[in-house]
């Protein structure tokens, strides 16, 4: 069998080392990140995707099954490493049962968790040193996992529902953009505030392409007690970025509507924030939402979230009535 010889390129050794370093760095960047913004997919390149570069954020954002799966894997791996260290010593563990690696593994579990049943215990100086290191490591791991679990549970999470389709219709004789939102928890979000933006791509006379962000003024951008539903309305007048816009112009500019609602949850006294975005394809022209609230025969008002996303075309009679 012939020997395989690795030769550096004919260039200098420093250039070859730099090329190898670039190749090693590119190994960690092969996993691309795909995200969806306004119904359009974006793939990011050139950023490191190594977990340990931002491990705290990763631990807070992964799903619970993945979190506990990784924690269990790390726990087993750490105990296996210490079990191998105990096995390197000469009769390091007294009353070891079962013999061999399984007994050392179970002793490591007891030591790492600082349980210490007493049946098995270190009986050599070497074993005491390994146990000291393991107990210190175990205390740090317990504190770390406890802190991460608490942080994951204590993160404020808003439960808000947004209509699938923004609508544009005439209200009081004015063309109006309307978006419906609801608080799913139905508790009180105090001093809720909403901001609405229009993002669209534009090209300057010099050919410079830029994505501009326009503020869209709401008729009422604050809600003192947001607990059920909220219809947010933007009047399309001369000062609106949607003035004169059509479905074709919004499509050519790849328009995107973004809504952000934030407030304070009275139950936990924590700030809440929810965001939703819609592409121009989700916009419904000359449509209306189905009514959520109806009066029942029992004299009570009923709100039906089953029709929250439903829209219907505005007929001519309704259009004249609204005007």
C-alpha atoms as a PDB file:
ATOM      1  CA  UNK A   1       0.000   0.000   0.000  1.00  0.00           C
ATOM      2  CA  UNK A   2       1.466   3.329  -1.060  1.00  0.00           C
ATOM      3  CA  UNK A   3       1.972   6.067   1.476  1.00  0.00           C
ATOM      4  CA  UNK A   4      -0.154   9.185   1.245  1.00  0.00           C
ATOM      5  CA  UNK A   5       1.970  12.307   1.249  1.00  0.00           C
ATOM      6  CA  UNK A   6       0.463  15.702   2.086  1.00  0.00           C
ATOM      7  CA  UNK A   7       2.345  18.483   0.336  1.00  0.00           C
ATOM      8  CA  UNK A   8       1.903  22.148   0.943  1.00  0.00           C
ATOM      9  CA  UNK A   9       1.262  24.251  -2.137  1.00  0.00           C
ATOM     10  CA  UNK A  10       4.158  25.662  -4.067  1.00  0.00           C
ATOM     11  CA  UNK A  11       3.510  29.061  -2.454  1.00  0.00           C
ATOM     12  CA  UNK A  12       5.039  30.023   0.867  1.00  0.00           C
ATOM     13  CA  UNK A  13       4.250  28.100   4.041  1.00  0.00           C
ATOM     14  CA  UNK A  14       2.531  31.108   5.601  1.00  0.00           C
ATOM     15  CA  UNK A  15       0.063  31.324   2.727  1.00  0.00           C
ATOM     16  CA  UNK A  16      -0.653  27.623   3.066  1.00  0.00           C
ATOM     17  CA  UNK A  17      -1.300  28.039   6.816  1.00  0.00           C
ATOM     18  CA  UNK A  18      -3.667  30.922   6.177  1.00  0.00           C
ATOM     19  CA  UNK A  19      -5.563  28.824   3.629  1.00  0.00           C
ATOM     20  CA  UNK A  20      -5.895  25.981   6.123  1.00  0.00           C
ATOM     21  CA  UNK A  21      -7.141  28.406   8.799  1.00  0.00           C
ATOM     22  CA  UNK A  22      -9.786  29.742   6.415  1.00  0.00           C
ATOM     23  CA  UNK A  23     -10.802  26.176   5.625  1.00  0.00           C
ATOM     24  CA  UNK A  24     -11.152  25.344   9.333  1.00  0.00           C
ATOM     25  CA  UNK A  25     -13.261  28.458   9.935  1.00  0.00           C
ATOM     26  CA  UNK A  26     -15.468  27.659   6.965  1.00  0.00           C
ATOM     27  CA  UNK A  27     -16.176  24.238   8.472  1.00  0.00           C
ATOM     28  CA  UNK A  28     -18.195  25.907  11.217  1.00  0.00           C
ATOM     29  CA  UNK A  29     -20.026  28.146   8.755  1.00  0.00           C
ATOM     30  CA  UNK A  30     -21.411  25.513   6.450  1.00  0.00           C
ATOM     31  CA  UNK A  31     -24.758  25.448   8.249  1.00  0.00           C
ATOM     32  CA  UNK A  32     -26.759  28.294   6.735  1.00  0.00           C
ATOM     33  CA  UNK A  33     -29.552  30.043   8.564  1.00  0.00           C
ATOM     34  CA  UNK A  34     -32.884  30.468   6.820  1.00  0.00           C
ATOM     35  CA  UNK A  35     -35.478  32.952   8.051  1.00  0.00           C
ATOM     36  CA  UNK A  36     -38.804  34.141   6.729  1.00  0.00           C
ATOM     37  CA  UNK A  37     -39.599  37.862   6.600  1.00  0.00           C
ATOM     38  CA  UNK A  38     -42.933  38.878   5.190  1.00  0.00           C
ATOM     39  CA  UNK A  39     -43.455  35.588   3.387  1.00  0.00           C
ATOM     40  CA  UNK A  40     -40.041  35.787   1.718  1.00  0.00           C
ATOM     41  CA  UNK A  41     -37.166  33.458   2.600  1.00  0.00           C
ATOM     42  CA  UNK A  42     -33.723  34.890   3.391  1.00  0.00           C
ATOM     43  CA  UNK A  43     -30.587  32.776   3.705  1.00  0.00           C
ATOM     44  CA  UNK A  44     -27.691  34.283   5.678  1.00  0.00           C
ATOM     45  CA  UNK A  45     -24.076  33.560   4.727  1.00  0.00           C
ATOM     46  CA  UNK A  46     -20.725  34.331   6.303  1.00  0.00           C
ATOM     47  CA  UNK A  47     -21.762  34.158   9.977  1.00  0.00           C
ATOM     48  CA  UNK A  48     -20.481  31.592  12.427  1.00  0.00           C
ATOM     49  CA  UNK A  49     -23.127  29.086  13.529  1.00  0.00           C
ATOM     50  CA  UNK A  50     -21.109  27.571  16.368  1.00  0.00           C
ATOM     51  CA  UNK A  51     -23.300  26.946  19.398  1.00  0.00           C
ATOM     52  CA  UNK A  52     -20.677  27.993  21.929  1.00  0.00           C
ATOM     53  CA  UNK A  53     -20.406  31.484  20.392  1.00  0.00           C
ATOM     54  CA  UNK A  54     -23.783  32.349  21.954  1.00  0.00           C
ATOM     55  CA  UNK A  55     -24.610  29.351  24.092  1.00  0.00           C
ATOM     56  CA  UNK A  56     -26.734  31.284  26.625  1.00  0.00           C
ATOM     57  CA  UNK A  57     -29.110  32.536  23.937  1.00  0.00           C
ATOM     58  CA  UNK A  58     -29.212  29.079  22.408  1.00  0.00           C
ATOM     59  CA  UNK A  59     -30.086  27.505  25.777  1.00  0.00           C
ATOM     60  CA  UNK A  60     -32.930  29.979  26.278  1.00  0.00           C
ATOM     61  CA  UNK A  61     -34.483  29.634  22.836  1.00  0.00           C
ATOM     62  CA  UNK A  62     -34.349  25.914  22.047  1.00  0.00           C
ATOM     63  CA  UNK A  63     -37.448  23.794  22.640  1.00  0.00           C
ATOM     64  CA  UNK A  64     -37.936  22.136  26.026  1.00  0.00           C
ATOM     65  CA  UNK A  65     -37.408  18.533  24.780  1.00  0.00           C
ATOM     66  CA  UNK A  66     -34.137  19.565  23.130  1.00  0.00           C
ATOM     67  CA  UNK A  67     -33.040  21.420  26.281  1.00  0.00           C
ATOM     68  CA  UNK A  68     -33.624  18.443  28.580  1.00  0.00           C
ATOM     69  CA  UNK A  69     -32.165  16.061  26.001  1.00  0.00           C
ATOM     70  CA  UNK A  70     -28.929  18.058  25.837  1.00  0.00           C
ATOM     71  CA  UNK A  71     -28.809  18.360  29.636  1.00  0.00           C
ATOM     72  CA  UNK A  72     -29.236  14.590  30.027  1.00  0.00           C
ATOM     73  CA  UNK A  73     -26.559  13.926  27.397  1.00  0.00           C
ATOM     74  CA  UNK A  74     -24.105  16.255  29.134  1.00  0.00           C
ATOM     75  CA  UNK A  75     -24.908  14.601  32.484  1.00  0.00           C
ATOM     76  CA  UNK A  76     -24.216  11.093  31.165  1.00  0.00           C
ATOM     77  CA  UNK A  77     -21.068  12.179  29.327  1.00  0.00           C
ATOM     78  CA  UNK A  78     -19.654  13.957  32.385  1.00  0.00           C
ATOM     79  CA  UNK A  79     -20.276  10.960  34.652  1.00  0.00           C
ATOM     80  CA  UNK A  80     -18.741   8.621  32.085  1.00  0.00           C
ATOM     81  CA  UNK A  81     -15.581  10.755  32.023  1.00  0.00           C
ATOM     82  CA  UNK A  82     -15.249  10.724  35.814  1.00  0.00           C
ATOM     83  CA  UNK A  83     -15.974   6.996  35.899  1.00  0.00           C
ATOM     84  CA  UNK A  84     -13.041   6.427  33.558  1.00  0.00           C
ATOM     85  CA  UNK A  85     -10.839   8.533  35.843  1.00  0.00           C
ATOM     86  CA  UNK A  86     -11.848   6.424  38.850  1.00  0.00           C
ATOM     87  CA  UNK A  87     -11.059   3.290  36.878  1.00  0.00           C
ATOM     88  CA  UNK A  88      -7.527   4.526  36.266  1.00  0.00           C
ATOM     89  CA  UNK A  89      -6.806   4.331  40.008  1.00  0.00           C
ATOM     90  CA  UNK A  90      -5.877   1.173  41.893  1.00  0.00           C
ATOM     91  CA  UNK A  91      -8.973   0.142  43.891  1.00  0.00           C
ATOM     92  CA  UNK A  92      -9.973   3.761  44.202  1.00  0.00           C
ATOM     93  CA  UNK A  93     -13.536   3.050  45.369  1.00  0.00           C
ATOM     94  CA  UNK A  94     -14.324   1.038  48.478  1.00  0.00           C
ATOM     95  CA  UNK A  95     -17.246  -1.442  48.329  1.00  0.00           C
ATOM     96  CA  UNK A  96     -17.591  -0.839  44.602  1.00  0.00           C
ATOM     97  CA  UNK A  97     -20.643  -2.580  43.208  1.00  0.00           C
ATOM     98  CA  UNK A  98     -21.029  -3.659  40.526  1.00  0.00           C
ATOM     99  CA  UNK A  99     -17.421  -4.159  39.616  1.00  0.00           C
ATOM    100  CA  UNK A 100     -15.790  -2.372  36.737  1.00  0.00           C
ATOM    101  CA  UNK A 101     -17.071   0.613  34.814  1.00  0.00           C
ATOM    102  CA  UNK A 102     -20.781   0.358  35.833  1.00  0.00           C
ATOM    103  CA  UNK A 103     -19.912   0.622  39.527  1.00  0.00           C
ATOM    104  CA  UNK A 104     -17.597   3.565  38.888  1.00  0.00           C
ATOM    105  CA  UNK A 105     -20.325   5.236  36.829  1.00  0.00           C
ATOM    106  CA  UNK A 106     -22.938   4.899  39.596  1.00  0.00           C
ATOM    107  CA  UNK A 107     -20.443   6.174  42.165  1.00  0.00           C
ATOM    108  CA  UNK A 108     -19.756   9.152  39.898  1.00  0.00           C
ATOM    109  CA  UNK A 109     -23.488   9.898  39.677  1.00  0.00           C
ATOM    110  CA  UNK A 110     -23.773   9.906  43.471  1.00  0.00           C
ATOM    111  CA  UNK A 111     -20.706  12.110  43.820  1.00  0.00           C
ATOM    112  CA  UNK A 112     -21.624  14.589  41.066  1.00  0.00           C
ATOM    113  CA  UNK A 113     -25.102  15.035  42.562  1.00  0.00           C
ATOM    114  CA  UNK A 114     -23.522  15.368  46.054  1.00  0.00           C
ATOM    115  CA  UNK A 115     -25.790  12.554  47.294  1.00  0.00           C
ATOM    116  CA  UNK A 116     -23.166  10.341  48.917  1.00  0.00           C
ATOM    117  CA  UNK A 117     -25.092   7.258  50.125  1.00  0.00           C
ATOM    118  CA  UNK A 118     -22.055   6.045  52.052  1.00  0.00           C
ATOM    119  CA  UNK A 119     -21.878   2.452  50.764  1.00  0.00           C
ATOM    120  CA  UNK A 120     -19.282   3.343  48.154  1.00  0.00           C
ATOM    121  CA  UNK A 121     -16.659   5.925  49.057  1.00  0.00           C
ATOM    122  CA  UNK A 122     -13.150   6.971  47.992  1.00  0.00           C
ATOM    123  CA  UNK A 123     -10.423   5.013  49.732  1.00  0.00           C
ATOM    124  CA  UNK A 124      -7.246   6.383  48.126  1.00  0.00           C
ATOM    125  CA  UNK A 125      -5.727   9.829  47.871  1.00  0.00           C
ATOM    126  CA  UNK A 126      -6.133   9.705  44.107  1.00  0.00           C
ATOM    127  CA  UNK A 127      -9.862   8.936  44.440  1.00  0.00           C
ATOM    128  CA  UNK A 128     -10.336  11.734  46.985  1.00  0.00           C
ATOM    129  CA  UNK A 129      -8.737  14.215  44.581  1.00  0.00           C
ATOM    130  CA  UNK A 130     -10.992  13.110  41.703  1.00  0.00           C
ATOM    131  CA  UNK A 131     -14.052  13.248  43.992  1.00  0.00           C
ATOM    132  CA  UNK A 132     -13.136  16.759  45.104  1.00  0.00           C
ATOM    133  CA  UNK A 133     -12.948  17.959  41.514  1.00  0.00           C
ATOM    134  CA  UNK A 134     -16.213  16.171  40.672  1.00  0.00           C
ATOM    135  CA  UNK A 135     -18.116  17.631  43.631  1.00  0.00           C
ATOM    136  CA  UNK A 136     -17.000  21.132  42.669  1.00  0.00           C
ATOM    137  CA  UNK A 137     -18.010  20.471  39.065  1.00  0.00           C
ATOM    138  CA  UNK A 138     -21.364  19.067  40.179  1.00  0.00           C
ATOM    139  CA  UNK A 139     -22.194  22.115  42.295  1.00  0.00           C
ATOM    140  CA  UNK A 140     -21.471  24.379  39.343  1.00  0.00           C
ATOM    141  CA  UNK A 141     -23.540  22.267  36.936  1.00  0.00           C
ATOM    142  CA  UNK A 142     -26.519  22.152  39.317  1.00  0.00           C
ATOM    143  CA  UNK A 143     -26.418  25.930  39.732  1.00  0.00           C
ATOM    144  CA  UNK A 144     -26.101  26.432  35.969  1.00  0.00           C
ATOM    145  CA  UNK A 145     -28.991  24.145  34.997  1.00  0.00           C
ATOM    146  CA  UNK A 146     -31.195  25.558  37.779  1.00  0.00           C
ATOM    147  CA  UNK A 147     -30.521  29.097  36.596  1.00  0.00           C
ATOM    148  CA  UNK A 148     -31.285  28.220  32.973  1.00  0.00           C
ATOM    149  CA  UNK A 149     -34.558  26.501  33.882  1.00  0.00           C
ATOM    150  CA  UNK A 150     -35.609  29.489  35.990  1.00  0.00           C
ATOM    151  CA  UNK A 151     -34.689  31.904  33.198  1.00  0.00           C
ATOM    152  CA  UNK A 152     -36.678  29.905  30.657  1.00  0.00           C
ATOM    153  CA  UNK A 153     -39.748  29.779  32.899  1.00  0.00           C
ATOM    154  CA  UNK A 154     -39.545  33.431  33.943  1.00  0.00           C
ATOM    155  CA  UNK A 155     -39.212  34.862  30.437  1.00  0.00           C
ATOM    156  CA  UNK A 156     -42.265  37.041  29.703  1.00  0.00           C
ATOM    157  CA  UNK A 157     -44.228  35.638  26.799  1.00  0.00           C
ATOM    158  CA  UNK A 158     -47.093  37.499  25.205  1.00  0.00           C
ATOM    159  CA  UNK A 159     -50.071  35.490  23.979  1.00  0.00           C
ATOM    160  CA  UNK A 160     -51.493  37.767  21.312  1.00  0.00           C
ATOM    161  CA  UNK A 161     -53.436  36.851  18.222  1.00  0.00           C
ATOM    162  CA  UNK A 162     -53.239  38.815  14.976  1.00  0.00           C
ATOM    163  CA  UNK A 163     -55.562  38.537  12.007  1.00  0.00           C
ATOM    164  CA  UNK A 164     -54.083  36.700   9.051  1.00  0.00           C
ATOM    165  CA  UNK A 165     -55.119  39.445   6.622  1.00  0.00           C
ATOM    166  CA  UNK A 166     -54.937  43.239   7.032  1.00  0.00           C
ATOM    167  CA  UNK A 167     -57.833  44.855   5.197  1.00  0.00           C
ATOM    168  CA  UNK A 168     -58.353  48.147   3.380  1.00  0.00           C
ATOM    169  CA  UNK A 169     -61.882  49.523   3.245  1.00  0.00           C
ATOM    170  CA  UNK A 170     -63.741  52.824   3.401  1.00  0.00           C
ATOM    171  CA  UNK A 171     -64.781  53.997   6.879  1.00  0.00           C
ATOM    172  CA  UNK A 172     -66.468  57.371   7.354  1.00  0.00           C
ATOM    173  CA  UNK A 173     -65.654  58.271   3.779  1.00  0.00           C
ATOM    174  CA  UNK A 174     -61.907  57.655   4.195  1.00  0.00           C
ATOM    175  CA  UNK A 175     -59.855  54.753   2.919  1.00  0.00           C
ATOM    176  CA  UNK A 176     -58.600  52.944   6.017  1.00  0.00           C
ATOM    177  CA  UNK A 177     -56.143  50.145   6.721  1.00  0.00           C
ATOM    178  CA  UNK A 178     -57.406  47.931   9.541  1.00  0.00           C
ATOM    179  CA  UNK A 179     -55.696  45.156  11.503  1.00  0.00           C
ATOM    180  CA  UNK A 180     -57.366  43.120  14.228  1.00  0.00           C
ATOM    181  CA  UNK A 181     -55.505  41.910  17.331  1.00  0.00           C
ATOM    182  CA  UNK A 182     -56.579  40.017  20.449  1.00  0.00           C
ATOM    183  CA  UNK A 183     -55.186  39.117  23.857  1.00  0.00           C
ATOM    184  CA  UNK A 184     -55.470  35.328  24.063  1.00  0.00           C
ATOM    185  CA  UNK A 185     -54.952  35.179  27.835  1.00  0.00           C
ATOM    186  CA  UNK A 186     -57.825  37.644  28.300  1.00  0.00           C
ATOM    187  CA  UNK A 187     -56.137  39.184  31.287  1.00  0.00           C
ATOM    188  CA  UNK A 188     -55.339  42.893  31.445  1.00  0.00           C
ATOM    189  CA  UNK A 189     -52.365  44.277  29.548  1.00  0.00           C
ATOM    190  CA  UNK A 190     -52.128  47.776  30.951  1.00  0.00           C
ATOM    191  CA  UNK A 191     -51.043  50.782  28.916  1.00  0.00           C
ATOM    192  CA  UNK A 192     -50.711  48.764  25.729  1.00  0.00           C
ATOM    193  CA  UNK A 193     -49.151  50.696  22.855  1.00  0.00           C
ATOM    194  CA  UNK A 194     -49.012  49.826  19.168  1.00  0.00           C
ATOM    195  CA  UNK A 195     -46.682  50.936  16.389  1.00  0.00           C
ATOM    196  CA  UNK A 196     -47.235  50.266  12.709  1.00  0.00           C
ATOM    197  CA  UNK A 197     -44.623  50.404   9.954  1.00  0.00           C
ATOM    198  CA  UNK A 198     -44.454  50.001   6.197  1.00  0.00           C
ATOM    199  CA  UNK A 199     -41.278  48.526   4.733  1.00  0.00           C
ATOM    200  CA  UNK A 200     -40.717  48.668   1.003  1.00  0.00           C
ATOM    201  CA  UNK A 201     -37.825  48.488  -1.414  1.00  0.00           C
ATOM    202  CA  UNK A 202     -36.962  51.607  -3.384  1.00  0.00           C
ATOM    203  CA  UNK A 203     -34.375  52.499  -6.016  1.00  0.00           C
ATOM    204  CA  UNK A 204     -32.746  55.941  -6.048  1.00  0.00           C
ATOM    205  CA  UNK A 205     -32.089  57.838  -9.327  1.00  0.00           C
ATOM    206  CA  UNK A 206     -28.479  56.658  -9.040  1.00  0.00           C
ATOM    207  CA  UNK A 207     -29.597  53.031  -8.955  1.00  0.00           C
ATOM    208  CA  UNK A 208     -28.987  52.568  -5.228  1.00  0.00           C
ATOM    209  CA  UNK A 209     -31.380  49.971  -3.806  1.00  0.00           C
ATOM    210  CA  UNK A 210     -32.590  50.502  -0.248  1.00  0.00           C
ATOM    211  CA  UNK A 211     -35.357  49.172   1.960  1.00  0.00           C
ATOM    212  CA  UNK A 212     -37.094  52.145   3.576  1.00  0.00           C
ATOM    213  CA  UNK A 213     -39.174  52.094   6.743  1.00  0.00           C
ATOM    214  CA  UNK A 214     -42.160  54.434   7.011  1.00  0.00           C
ATOM    215  CA  UNK A 215     -44.137  55.173  10.168  1.00  0.00           C
ATOM    216  CA  UNK A 216     -47.876  54.677   9.811  1.00  0.00           C
ATOM    217  CA  UNK A 217     -49.922  56.793  12.204  1.00  0.00           C
ATOM    218  CA  UNK A 218     -52.722  54.969  13.977  1.00  0.00           C
ATOM    219  CA  UNK A 219     -56.060  56.532  14.900  1.00  0.00           C
ATOM    220  CA  UNK A 220     -55.555  55.145  18.422  1.00  0.00           C
ATOM    221  CA  UNK A 221     -52.131  53.789  19.267  1.00  0.00           C
ATOM    222  CA  UNK A 222     -52.725  53.187  22.993  1.00  0.00           C
ATOM    223  CA  UNK A 223     -55.140  50.960  24.865  1.00  0.00           C
ATOM    224  CA  UNK A 224     -55.477  51.413  28.648  1.00  0.00           C
ATOM    225  CA  UNK A 225     -56.812  47.889  29.334  1.00  0.00           C
ATOM    226  CA  UNK A 226     -56.161  45.547  26.418  1.00  0.00           C
ATOM    227  CA  UNK A 227     -57.932  42.344  27.456  1.00  0.00           C
ATOM    228  CA  UNK A 228     -60.132  41.169  24.556  1.00  0.00           C
ATOM    229  CA  UNK A 229     -59.733  42.519  21.017  1.00  0.00           C
ATOM    230  CA  UNK A 230     -58.328  45.659  19.443  1.00  0.00           C
ATOM    231  CA  UNK A 231     -59.013  46.977  15.942  1.00  0.00           C
ATOM    232  CA  UNK A 232     -56.084  49.131  14.849  1.00  0.00           C
ATOM    233  CA  UNK A 233     -56.831  51.614  12.065  1.00  0.00           C
ATOM    234  CA  UNK A 234     -54.622  53.775   9.861  1.00  0.00           C
ATOM    235  CA  UNK A 235     -56.252  56.429   7.653  1.00  0.00           C
ATOM    236  CA  UNK A 236     -54.814  56.473   4.131  1.00  0.00           C
ATOM    237  CA  UNK A 237     -54.672  60.191   3.433  1.00  0.00           C
ATOM    238  CA  UNK A 238     -52.118  62.465   1.749  1.00  0.00           C
ATOM    239  CA  UNK A 239     -49.677  61.978   4.618  1.00  0.00           C
ATOM    240  CA  UNK A 240     -49.880  58.182   4.550  1.00  0.00           C
ATOM    241  CA  UNK A 241     -47.140  56.118   2.865  1.00  0.00           C
ATOM    242  CA  UNK A 242     -49.985  54.069   1.335  1.00  0.00           C
ATOM    243  CA  UNK A 243     -51.511  57.113  -0.374  1.00  0.00           C
ATOM    244  CA  UNK A 244     -52.044  56.246  -4.037  1.00  0.00           C
ATOM    245  CA  UNK A 245     -50.730  52.726  -3.558  1.00  0.00           C
ATOM    246  CA  UNK A 246     -52.244  49.795  -5.425  1.00  0.00           C
ATOM    247  CA  UNK A 247     -51.739  46.059  -5.247  1.00  0.00           C
ATOM    248  CA  UNK A 248     -49.380  46.303  -8.224  1.00  0.00           C
ATOM    249  CA  UNK A 249     -47.202  49.073  -6.742  1.00  0.00           C
ATOM    250  CA  UNK A 250     -46.957  47.257  -3.411  1.00  0.00           C
ATOM    251  CA  UNK A 251     -45.929  44.082  -5.190  1.00  0.00           C
ATOM    252  CA  UNK A 252     -43.237  45.863  -7.202  1.00  0.00           C
ATOM    253  CA  UNK A 253     -41.783  47.395  -4.031  1.00  0.00           C
ATOM    254  CA  UNK A 254     -42.065  44.130  -2.058  1.00  0.00           C
ATOM    255  CA  UNK A 255     -44.057  45.968   0.613  1.00  0.00           C
ATOM    256  CA  UNK A 256     -44.181  44.619   4.131  1.00  0.00           C
ATOM    257  CA  UNK A 257     -46.450  45.742   6.986  1.00  0.00           C
ATOM    258  CA  UNK A 258     -45.147  45.306  10.520  1.00  0.00           C
ATOM    259  CA  UNK A 259     -47.108  45.747  13.763  1.00  0.00           C
ATOM    260  CA  UNK A 260     -45.695  45.759  17.287  1.00  0.00           C
ATOM    261  CA  UNK A 261     -47.782  45.776  20.485  1.00  0.00           C
ATOM    262  CA  UNK A 262     -46.257  46.122  23.922  1.00  0.00           C
ATOM    263  CA  UNK A 263     -47.574  46.707  27.417  1.00  0.00           C
ATOM    264  CA  UNK A 264     -47.414  45.512  31.018  1.00  0.00           C
ATOM    265  CA  UNK A 265     -49.044  42.275  32.104  1.00  0.00           C
ATOM    266  CA  UNK A 266     -50.921  43.081  35.301  1.00  0.00           C
ATOM    267  CA  UNK A 267     -50.713  39.452  36.465  1.00  0.00           C
ATOM    268  CA  UNK A 268     -46.920  39.312  36.536  1.00  0.00           C
ATOM    269  CA  UNK A 269     -46.086  43.050  36.285  1.00  0.00           C
ATOM    270  CA  UNK A 270     -43.734  42.145  33.436  1.00  0.00           C
ATOM    271  CA  UNK A 271     -43.428  43.931  30.094  1.00  0.00           C
ATOM    272  CA  UNK A 272     -44.998  42.094  27.176  1.00  0.00           C
ATOM    273  CA  UNK A 273     -44.163  42.465  23.492  1.00  0.00           C
ATOM    274  CA  UNK A 274     -45.627  40.802  20.424  1.00  0.00           C
ATOM    275  CA  UNK A 275     -44.867  41.423  16.768  1.00  0.00           C
ATOM    276  CA  UNK A 276     -46.432  40.319  13.508  1.00  0.00           C
ATOM    277  CA  UNK A 277     -45.660  41.118   9.905  1.00  0.00           C
ATOM    278  CA  UNK A 278     -47.579  40.689   6.684  1.00  0.00           C
ATOM    279  CA  UNK A 279     -46.457  40.764   3.079  1.00  0.00           C
ATOM    280  CA  UNK A 280     -48.408  42.623   0.426  1.00  0.00           C
ATOM    281  CA  UNK A 281     -49.937  39.287  -0.600  1.00  0.00           C
ATOM    282  CA  UNK A 282     -51.853  39.051   2.698  1.00  0.00           C
ATOM    283  CA  UNK A 283     -53.523  42.437   2.196  1.00  0.00           C
ATOM    284  CA  UNK A 284     -57.224  42.310   1.322  1.00  0.00           C
ATOM    285  CA  UNK A 285     -58.617  45.282  -0.594  1.00  0.00           C
ATOM    286  CA  UNK A 286     -62.236  46.361  -0.085  1.00  0.00           C
ATOM    287  CA  UNK A 287     -62.906  43.649   2.503  1.00  0.00           C
ATOM    288  CA  UNK A 288     -64.274  43.638   6.032  1.00  0.00           C
ATOM    289  CA  UNK A 289     -63.820  41.490   9.126  1.00  0.00           C
ATOM    290  CA  UNK A 290     -66.638  39.358  10.466  1.00  0.00           C
ATOM    291  CA  UNK A 291     -68.041  40.701  13.720  1.00  0.00           C
ATOM    292  CA  UNK A 292     -66.603  39.061  16.801  1.00  0.00           C
ATOM    293  CA  UNK A 293     -69.161  40.262  19.353  1.00  0.00           C
ATOM    294  CA  UNK A 294     -72.835  39.377  19.273  1.00  0.00           C
ATOM    295  CA  UNK A 295     -75.679  39.825  21.767  1.00  0.00           C
ATOM    296  CA  UNK A 296     -77.211  36.570  22.951  1.00  0.00           C
ATOM    297  CA  UNK A 297     -80.755  35.880  24.011  1.00  0.00           C
ATOM    298  CA  UNK A 298     -79.510  35.566  27.574  1.00  0.00           C
ATOM    299  CA  UNK A 299     -78.712  39.277  27.548  1.00  0.00           C
ATOM    300  CA  UNK A 300     -74.966  38.657  27.572  1.00  0.00           C
ATOM    301  CA  UNK A 301     -72.416  39.624  24.921  1.00  0.00           C
ATOM    302  CA  UNK A 302     -70.591  36.749  23.244  1.00  0.00           C
ATOM    303  CA  UNK A 303     -67.220  37.018  21.505  1.00  0.00           C
ATOM    304  CA  UNK A 304     -66.406  34.328  18.955  1.00  0.00           C
ATOM    305  CA  UNK A 305     -62.710  33.943  18.183  1.00  0.00           C
ATOM    306  CA  UNK A 306     -63.533  31.217  15.683  1.00  0.00           C
ATOM    307  CA  UNK A 307     -64.184  33.902  13.054  1.00  0.00           C
ATOM    308  CA  UNK A 308     -61.235  36.064  14.085  1.00  0.00           C
ATOM    309  CA  UNK A 309     -59.371  35.630  10.792  1.00  0.00           C
ATOM    310  CA  UNK A 310     -62.391  35.564   8.480  1.00  0.00           C
ATOM    311  CA  UNK A 311     -62.873  38.395   5.971  1.00  0.00           C
ATOM    312  CA  UNK A 312     -65.624  39.096   3.455  1.00  0.00           C
ATOM    313  CA  UNK A 313     -65.779  41.424   0.434  1.00  0.00           C
ATOM    314  CA  UNK A 314     -67.573  44.700   1.108  1.00  0.00           C
ATOM    315  CA  UNK A 315     -70.749  44.874  -0.987  1.00  0.00           C
ATOM    316  CA  UNK A 316     -71.900  48.114  -2.558  1.00  0.00           C
ATOM    317  CA  UNK A 317     -74.617  48.772   0.021  1.00  0.00           C
ATOM    318  CA  UNK A 318     -72.196  48.342   2.938  1.00  0.00           C
ATOM    319  CA  UNK A 319     -69.716  50.645   1.213  1.00  0.00           C
ATOM    320  CA  UNK A 320     -72.274  53.468   0.927  1.00  0.00           C
ATOM    321  CA  UNK A 321     -73.387  52.940   4.533  1.00  0.00           C
ATOM    322  CA  UNK A 322     -69.813  53.149   5.795  1.00  0.00           C
ATOM    323  CA  UNK A 323     -69.247  56.323   3.795  1.00  0.00           C
END
